[in-house]
PDB file of N, CA and C in Angstrom:
ATOM      1  N   UNK A   1       0.782  -1.322   0.043  1.00  0.00           N
ATOM      2  CA  UNK A   1       0.064   0.063   0.278  1.00  0.00           C
ATOM      3  C   UNK A   1       0.802   1.156  -0.024  1.00  0.00           C
ATOM      4  N   UNK A   2       0.102   2.478  -0.287  1.00  0.00           N
ATOM      5  CA  UNK A   2       1.064   3.626  -0.420  1.00  0.00           C
ATOM      6  C   UNK A   2       1.563   4.175   1.070  1.00  0.00           C
ATOM      7  N   UNK A   3       1.085   3.380   2.325  1.00  0.00           N
ATOM      8  CA  UNK A   3       1.573   3.866   3.512  1.00  0.00           C
ATOM      9  C   UNK A   3       2.924   3.316   3.991  1.00  0.00           C
ATOM     10  N   UNK A   4       3.099   2.382   3.345  1.00  0.00           N
ATOM     11  CA  UNK A   4       4.348   1.484   3.325  1.00  0.00           C
ATOM     12  C   UNK A   4       5.619   2.717   3.042  1.00  0.00           C
ATOM     13  N   UNK A   5       5.471   3.469   1.956  1.00  0.00           N
ATOM     14  CA  UNK A   5       6.634   4.565   1.666  1.00  0.00           C
ATOM     15  C   UNK A   5       6.982   5.477   2.620  1.00  0.00           C
ATOM     16  N   UNK A   6       5.985   5.761   3.512  1.00  0.00           N
ATOM     17  CA  UNK A   6       6.121   6.802   4.554  1.00  0.00           C
ATOM     18  C   UNK A   6       7.318   6.510   5.908  1.00  0.00           C
ATOM     19  N   UNK A   7       7.803   5.333   6.047  1.00  0.00           N
ATOM     20  CA  UNK A   7       8.916   5.647   6.575  1.00  0.00           C
ATOM     21  C   UNK A   7      10.193   5.494   6.168  1.00  0.00           C
ATOM     22  N   UNK A   8      10.207   5.032   4.578  1.00  0.00           N
ATOM     23  CA  UNK A   8      11.624   5.421   3.806  1.00  0.00           C
ATOM     24  C   UNK A   8      11.620   6.947   3.703  1.00  0.00           C
ATOM     25  N   UNK A   9      10.324   7.320   3.228  1.00  0.00           N
ATOM     26  CA  UNK A   9      10.269   8.780   2.923  1.00  0.00           C
ATOM     27  C   UNK A   9      10.715   9.733   4.159  1.00  0.00           C
ATOM     28  N   UNK A  10      10.663   9.216   5.248  1.00  0.00           N
ATOM     29  CA  UNK A  10      11.022  10.142   6.542  1.00  0.00           C
ATOM     30  C   UNK A  10      12.593   9.858   6.679  1.00  0.00           C
ATOM     31  N   UNK A  11      12.852   8.877   6.619  1.00  0.00           N
ATOM     32  CA  UNK A  11      14.360   8.620   6.558  1.00  0.00           C
ATOM     33  C   UNK A  11      15.313   9.541   5.649  1.00  0.00           C
ATOM     34  N   UNK A  12      14.821   9.334   4.516  1.00  0.00           N
ATOM     35  CA  UNK A  12      15.350  10.203   3.368  1.00  0.00           C
ATOM     36  C   UNK A  12      15.408  11.446   3.558  1.00  0.00           C
ATOM     37  N   UNK A  13      14.243  12.105   4.069  1.00  0.00           N
ATOM     38  CA  UNK A  13      14.138  13.430   4.454  1.00  0.00           C
ATOM     39  C   UNK A  13      14.793  14.307   5.476  1.00  0.00           C
ATOM     40  N   UNK A  14      15.112  13.373   6.456  1.00  0.00           N
ATOM     41  CA  UNK A  14      15.612  13.464   7.649  1.00  0.00           C
ATOM     42  C   UNK A  14      17.225  13.433   7.607  1.00  0.00           C
ATOM     43  N   UNK A  15      17.510  12.511   6.370  1.00  0.00           N
ATOM     44  CA  UNK A  15      19.037  12.709   6.020  1.00  0.00           C
ATOM     45  C   UNK A  15      19.528  14.066   5.300  1.00  0.00           C
ATOM     46  N   UNK A  16      18.668  14.330   4.522  1.00  0.00           N
ATOM     47  CA  UNK A  16      18.844  15.420   3.476  1.00  0.00           C
ATOM     48  C   UNK A  16      18.652  16.497   4.376  1.00  0.00           C
ATOM     49  N   UNK A  17      18.221  16.751   5.424  1.00  0.00           N
ATOM     50  CA  UNK A  17      17.768  18.095   6.248  1.00  0.00           C
ATOM     51  C   UNK A  17      19.028  17.998   7.104  1.00  0.00           C
ATOM     52  N   UNK A  18      19.423  17.137   7.479  1.00  0.00           N
ATOM     53  CA  UNK A  18      20.784  17.457   8.899  1.00  0.00           C
ATOM     54  C   UNK A  18      21.813  18.248   8.185  1.00  0.00           C
ATOM     55  N   UNK A  19      22.466  18.017   7.231  1.00  0.00           N
ATOM     56  CA  UNK A  19      23.420  19.111   6.478  1.00  0.00           C
ATOM     57  C   UNK A  19      23.071  20.268   6.682  1.00  0.00           C
ATOM     58  N   UNK A  20      21.889  20.555   6.314  1.00  0.00           N
ATOM     59  CA  UNK A  20      21.634  22.489   6.267  1.00  0.00           C
ATOM     60  C   UNK A  20      21.466  22.911   7.829  1.00  0.00           C
ATOM     61  N   UNK A  21      21.065  22.079   8.548  1.00  0.00           N
ATOM     62  CA  UNK A  21      20.696  22.541   9.841  1.00  0.00           C
ATOM     63  C   UNK A  21      21.939  22.559  10.517  1.00  0.00           C
ATOM     64  N   UNK A  22      22.802  21.476  10.471  1.00  0.00           N
ATOM     65  CA  UNK A  22      24.090  21.454  11.240  1.00  0.00           C
ATOM     66  C   UNK A  22      24.841  22.837  10.895  1.00  0.00           C
ATOM     67  N   UNK A  23      24.898  23.077   9.492  1.00  0.00           N
ATOM     68  CA  UNK A  23      25.869  24.252   9.008  1.00  0.00           C
ATOM     69  C   UNK A  23      25.054  25.414   9.668  1.00  0.00           C
ATOM     70  N   UNK A  24      24.339  25.482  10.248  1.00  0.00           N
ATOM     71  CA  UNK A  24      23.795  27.092  10.649  1.00  0.00           C
ATOM     72  C   UNK A  24      24.523  26.858  12.068  1.00  0.00           C
ATOM     73  N   UNK A  25      24.421  25.625  12.762  1.00  0.00           N
ATOM     74  CA  UNK A  25      24.909  25.615  14.512  1.00  0.00           C
ATOM     75  C   UNK A  25      26.416  25.397  14.189  1.00  0.00           C
ATOM     76  N   UNK A  26      26.933  24.902  13.171  1.00  0.00           N
ATOM     77  CA  UNK A  26      28.402  25.096  13.182  1.00  0.00           C
ATOM     78  C   UNK A  26      29.121  26.124  13.095  1.00  0.00           C
ATOM     79  N   UNK A  27      28.249  27.122  11.985  1.00  0.00           N
ATOM     80  CA  UNK A  27      28.743  28.479  11.579  1.00  0.00           C
ATOM     81  C   UNK A  27      28.648  29.363  13.194  1.00  0.00           C
ATOM     82  N   UNK A  28      27.657  28.890  13.907  1.00  0.00           N
ATOM     83  CA  UNK A  28      27.264  29.663  14.950  1.00  0.00           C
ATOM     84  C   UNK A  28      28.511  29.612  15.753  1.00  0.00           C
ATOM     85  N   UNK A  29      28.800  28.183  16.187  1.00  0.00           N
ATOM     86  CA  UNK A  29      29.955  27.659  17.209  1.00  0.00           C
ATOM     87  C   UNK A  29      31.250  28.365  16.478  1.00  0.00           C
ATOM     88  N   UNK A  30      31.688  28.326  15.465  1.00  0.00           N
ATOM     89  CA  UNK A  30      32.634  28.203  14.684  1.00  0.00           C
ATOM     90  C   UNK A  30      33.679  30.002  14.911  1.00  0.00           C
ATOM     91  N   UNK A  31      32.556  30.573  13.967  1.00  0.00           N
ATOM     92  CA  UNK A  31      33.015  31.812  13.310  1.00  0.00           C
ATOM     93  C   UNK A  31      31.975  33.003  14.463  1.00  0.00           C
ATOM     94  N   UNK A  32      30.930  32.452  15.214  1.00  0.00           N
ATOM     95  CA  UNK A  32      30.560  33.282  16.098  1.00  0.00           C
ATOM     96  C   UNK A  32      28.756  34.081  15.565  1.00  0.00           C
ATOM     97  N   UNK A  33      28.595  33.788  14.211  1.00  0.00           N
ATOM     98  CA  UNK A  33      27.668  33.933  13.411  1.00  0.00           C
ATOM     99  C   UNK A  33      27.218  32.962  12.453  1.00  0.00           C
ATOM    100  N   UNK A  34      25.979  32.856  12.472  1.00  0.00           N
ATOM    101  CA  UNK A  34      25.392  31.547  11.780  1.00  0.00           C
ATOM    102  C   UNK A  34      25.117  31.794  10.526  1.00  0.00           C
ATOM    103  N   UNK A  35      25.394  32.880   9.705  1.00  0.00           N
ATOM    104  CA  UNK A  35      25.611  33.041   8.186  1.00  0.00           C
ATOM    105  C   UNK A  35      27.026  33.415   8.007  1.00  0.00           C
ATOM    106  N   UNK A  36      27.847  32.725   6.693  1.00  0.00           N
ATOM    107  CA  UNK A  36      28.859  33.020   6.379  1.00  0.00           C
ATOM    108  C   UNK A  36      28.843  33.867   5.280  1.00  0.00           C
ATOM    109  N   UNK A  37      29.796  34.629   4.946  1.00  0.00           N
ATOM    110  CA  UNK A  37      29.958  35.390   3.717  1.00  0.00           C
ATOM    111  C   UNK A  37      30.706  35.102   2.683  1.00  0.00           C
ATOM    112  N   UNK A  38      30.446  34.690   1.508  1.00  0.00           N
ATOM    113  CA  UNK A  38      30.708  34.456   0.370  1.00  0.00           C
ATOM    114  C   UNK A  38      32.171  35.200  -0.012  1.00  0.00           C
ATOM    115  N   UNK A  39      33.272  35.047  -0.193  1.00  0.00           N
ATOM    116  CA  UNK A  39      34.254  36.077  -0.829  1.00  0.00           C
ATOM    117  C   UNK A  39      34.590  35.219  -1.960  1.00  0.00           C
ATOM    118  N   UNK A  40      33.953  34.648  -3.300  1.00  0.00           N
ATOM    119  CA  UNK A  40      34.809  34.309  -4.425  1.00  0.00           C
ATOM    120  C   UNK A  40      34.664  35.278  -5.275  1.00  0.00           C
ATOM    121  N   UNK A  41      34.021  36.245  -5.307  1.00  0.00           N
ATOM    122  CA  UNK A  41      34.193  37.313  -6.361  1.00  0.00           C
ATOM    123  C   UNK A  41      34.979  38.798  -5.786  1.00  0.00           C
ATOM    124  N   UNK A  42      35.527  39.127  -6.805  1.00  0.00           N
ATOM    125  CA  UNK A  42      36.394  40.264  -6.506  1.00  0.00           C
ATOM    126  C   UNK A  42      35.440  41.377  -5.599  1.00  0.00           C
ATOM    127  N   UNK A  43      34.368  41.672  -6.322  1.00  0.00           N
ATOM    128  CA  UNK A  43      33.239  42.454  -5.474  1.00  0.00           C
ATOM    129  C   UNK A  43      32.822  42.266  -4.067  1.00  0.00           C
ATOM    130  N   UNK A  44      32.523  40.886  -3.971  1.00  0.00           N
ATOM    131  CA  UNK A  44      32.241  40.715  -2.665  1.00  0.00           C
ATOM    132  C   UNK A  44      33.620  40.734  -1.600  1.00  0.00           C
ATOM    133  N   UNK A  45      34.540  40.470  -2.282  1.00  0.00           N
ATOM    134  CA  UNK A  45      36.158  40.798  -1.057  1.00  0.00           C
ATOM    135  C   UNK A  45      35.807  42.125  -0.738  1.00  0.00           C
ATOM    136  N   UNK A  46      35.853  43.259  -1.805  1.00  0.00           N
ATOM    137  CA  UNK A  46      35.712  44.423  -1.677  1.00  0.00           C
ATOM    138  C   UNK A  46      35.067  44.912  -0.878  1.00  0.00           C
ATOM    139  N   UNK A  47      33.445  44.234  -0.977  1.00  0.00           N
ATOM    140  CA  UNK A  47      32.435  44.427   0.179  1.00  0.00           C
ATOM    141  C   UNK A  47      32.812  44.167   1.418  1.00  0.00           C
ATOM    142  N   UNK A  48      33.369  42.939   1.897  1.00  0.00           N
ATOM    143  CA  UNK A  48      33.912  42.511   2.874  1.00  0.00           C
ATOM    144  C   UNK A  48      34.913  43.460   3.625  1.00  0.00           C
ATOM    145  N   UNK A  49      36.020  43.533   2.866  1.00  0.00           N
ATOM    146  CA  UNK A  49      36.849  44.600   3.366  1.00  0.00           C
ATOM    147  C   UNK A  49      36.179  46.122   3.959  1.00  0.00           C
ATOM    148  N   UNK A  50      35.419  46.459   3.118  1.00  0.00           N
ATOM    149  CA  UNK A  50      34.912  47.887   3.332  1.00  0.00           C
ATOM    150  C   UNK A  50      34.057  47.746   4.597  1.00  0.00           C
ATOM    151  N   UNK A  51      33.068  46.669   4.748  1.00  0.00           N
ATOM    152  CA  UNK A  51      32.137  46.785   6.130  1.00  0.00           C
ATOM    153  C   UNK A  51      33.338  46.317   7.211  1.00  0.00           C
ATOM    154  N   UNK A  52      34.630  45.867   7.451  1.00  0.00           N
ATOM    155  CA  UNK A  52      35.162  45.677   8.440  1.00  0.00           C
ATOM    156  C   UNK A  52      36.019  46.995   8.804  1.00  0.00           C
ATOM    157  N   UNK A  53      36.739  47.688   7.631  1.00  0.00           N
ATOM    158  CA  UNK A  53      37.333  48.943   7.557  1.00  0.00           C
ATOM    159  C   UNK A  53      36.225  49.866   8.519  1.00  0.00           C
ATOM    160  N   UNK A  54      35.060  50.031   7.859  1.00  0.00           N
ATOM    161  CA  UNK A  54      34.107  50.948   8.353  1.00  0.00           C
ATOM    162  C   UNK A  54      33.709  50.815   9.701  1.00  0.00           C
ATOM    163  N   UNK A  55      33.069  49.542  10.112  1.00  0.00           N
ATOM    164  CA  UNK A  55      32.159  49.516  11.450  1.00  0.00           C
ATOM    165  C   UNK A  55      33.332  47.756  12.337  1.00  0.00           C
ATOM    166  N   UNK A  56      33.966  47.352  11.573  1.00  0.00           N
ATOM    167  CA  UNK A  56      34.424  46.523  12.220  1.00  0.00           C
ATOM    168  C   UNK A  56      33.847  44.908  12.495  1.00  0.00           C
ATOM    169  N   UNK A  57      32.597  44.945  11.969  1.00  0.00           N
ATOM    170  CA  UNK A  57      31.942  43.895  12.053  1.00  0.00           C
ATOM    171  C   UNK A  57      31.356  43.801  10.614  1.00  0.00           C
ATOM    172  N   UNK A  58      31.486  42.748   9.937  1.00  0.00           N
ATOM    173  CA  UNK A  58      31.113  42.394   8.157  1.00  0.00           C
ATOM    174  C   UNK A  58      29.929  41.963   8.644  1.00  0.00           C
ATOM    175  N   UNK A  59      29.298  41.307   9.748  1.00  0.00           N
ATOM    176  CA  UNK A  59      27.756  40.820   9.515  1.00  0.00           C
ATOM    177  C   UNK A  59      26.593  41.793  10.038  1.00  0.00           C
ATOM    178  N   UNK A  60      27.111  42.862  10.600  1.00  0.00           N
ATOM    179  CA  UNK A  60      26.341  43.894  11.232  1.00  0.00           C
ATOM    180  C   UNK A  60      26.178  44.977  10.501  1.00  0.00           C
ATOM    181  N   UNK A  61      24.729  45.245   9.523  1.00  0.00           N
ATOM    182  CA  UNK A  61      24.865  46.236   8.756  1.00  0.00           C
ATOM    183  C   UNK A  61      24.589  47.706   9.483  1.00  0.00           C
ATOM    184  N   UNK A  62      25.575  48.560   8.739  1.00  0.00           N
ATOM    185  CA  UNK A  62      25.377  49.926   9.320  1.00  0.00           C
ATOM    186  C   UNK A  62      25.082  50.962   8.309  1.00  0.00           C
ATOM    187  N   UNK A  63      24.512  51.991   8.618  1.00  0.00           N
ATOM    188  CA  UNK A  63      24.448  53.082   7.380  1.00  0.00           C
ATOM    189  C   UNK A  63      25.099  54.374   7.366  1.00  0.00           C
ATOM    190  N   UNK A  64      24.582  54.960   7.150  1.00  0.00           N
ATOM    191  CA  UNK A  64      25.583  56.369   7.155  1.00  0.00           C
ATOM    192  C   UNK A  64      26.293  56.901   8.058  1.00  0.00           C
ATOM    193  N   UNK A  65      25.605  56.457   9.438  1.00  0.00           N
ATOM    194  CA  UNK A  65      25.866  56.863  10.734  1.00  0.00           C
ATOM    195  C   UNK A  65      27.104  56.470  11.150  1.00  0.00           C
ATOM    196  N   UNK A  66      27.609  55.222  10.888  1.00  0.00           N
ATOM    197  CA  UNK A  66      28.666  54.461  10.869  1.00  0.00           C
ATOM    198  C   UNK A  66      30.091  55.066  10.176  1.00  0.00           C
ATOM    199  N   UNK A  67      29.864  55.846   9.152  1.00  0.00           N
ATOM    200  CA  UNK A  67      30.959  56.693   8.204  1.00  0.00           C
ATOM    201  C   UNK A  67      31.498  57.815   9.445  1.00  0.00           C
ATOM    202  N   UNK A  68      32.675  57.615   9.583  1.00  0.00           N
ATOM    203  CA  UNK A  68      33.118  59.072  10.631  1.00  0.00           C
ATOM    204  C   UNK A  68      33.131  60.555   9.578  1.00  0.00           C
ATOM    205  N   UNK A  69      32.890  61.329  10.016  1.00  0.00           N
ATOM    206  CA  UNK A  69      32.967  62.480   9.528  1.00  0.00           C
ATOM    207  C   UNK A  69      34.741  63.372   9.572  1.00  0.00           C
ATOM    208  N   UNK A  70      34.947  63.608   8.330  1.00  0.00           N
ATOM    209  CA  UNK A  70      36.477  64.048   8.398  1.00  0.00           C
ATOM    210  C   UNK A  70      36.164  65.387   8.518  1.00  0.00           C
TER     211      UNK A  70
END
Protein backbone atom coordinates (compact mmCIF):
# COMPACT_ATOMS: atom_id res chain seq x y z
CA UNK A 1 0.00 0.00 0.00
CA UNK A 2 0.96 3.63 -0.29
CA UNK A 3 1.60 4.07 3.46
CA UNK A 4 4.51 1.62 3.32
CA UNK A 5 6.54 4.39 1.69
CA UNK A 6 6.19 6.76 4.69
CA UNK A 7 9.08 5.35 6.82
CA UNK A 8 11.51 5.40 3.89
CA UNK A 9 10.40 8.91 2.92
CA UNK A 10 10.89 10.13 6.50
CA UNK A 11 14.39 8.65 6.73
CA UNK A 12 15.48 10.19 3.42
CA UNK A 13 13.97 13.58 4.31
CA UNK A 14 15.72 13.71 7.68
CA UNK A 15 19.03 12.56 6.20
CA UNK A 16 18.91 15.33 3.58
CA UNK A 17 17.86 18.02 6.08
CA UNK A 18 20.59 17.34 8.66
CA UNK A 19 23.49 19.03 6.76
CA UNK A 20 21.64 22.33 6.29
CA UNK A 21 20.64 22.55 9.95
CA UNK A 22 24.06 21.38 11.13
CA UNK A 23 25.82 24.04 9.04
CA UNK A 24 23.86 26.78 10.80
CA UNK A 25 24.99 25.58 14.22
CA UNK A 26 28.58 24.88 13.16
CA UNK A 27 28.96 28.42 11.81
CA UNK A 28 27.38 29.82 14.97
CA UNK A 29 29.86 27.87 17.09
CA UNK A 30 32.94 28.38 14.90
CA UNK A 31 32.73 32.00 13.70
CA UNK A 32 30.15 33.42 16.08
CA UNK A 33 27.63 34.09 13.35
CA UNK A 34 25.23 31.67 11.79
CA UNK A 35 25.58 33.06 8.28
CA UNK A 36 28.87 32.86 6.42
CA UNK A 37 29.82 35.44 3.82
CA UNK A 38 31.03 34.24 0.46
CA UNK A 39 34.11 36.02 -0.89
CA UNK A 40 34.66 34.21 -4.17
CA UNK A 41 34.15 37.22 -6.42
CA UNK A 42 36.27 40.43 -6.37
CA UNK A 43 33.26 42.64 -5.58
CA UNK A 44 32.33 40.48 -2.59
CA UNK A 45 35.91 40.67 -1.25
CA UNK A 46 35.81 44.44 -1.67
CA UNK A 47 32.51 44.70 0.22
CA UNK A 48 33.86 42.43 2.99
CA UNK A 49 36.97 44.56 3.45
CA UNK A 50 34.91 47.76 3.28
CA UNK A 51 32.50 46.60 5.98
CA UNK A 52 35.37 45.50 8.21
CA UNK A 53 37.12 48.85 7.77
CA UNK A 54 34.01 50.98 8.38
CA UNK A 55 32.44 49.34 11.41
CA UNK A 56 34.69 46.42 12.39
CA UNK A 57 31.97 43.82 11.95
CA UNK A 58 31.20 42.41 8.52
CA UNK A 59 27.91 40.86 9.63
CA UNK A 60 26.30 43.90 11.22
CA UNK A 61 24.89 46.31 8.69
CA UNK A 62 25.40 49.99 9.30
CA UNK A 63 24.13 53.08 7.57
CA UNK A 64 25.71 56.45 6.99
CA UNK A 65 25.97 57.02 10.73
CA UNK A 66 28.85 54.54 10.91
CA UNK A 67 31.06 56.52 8.50
CA UNK A 68 33.17 59.00 10.50
CA UNK A 69 33.01 62.68 9.60
CA UNK A 70 36.32 64.02 8.40
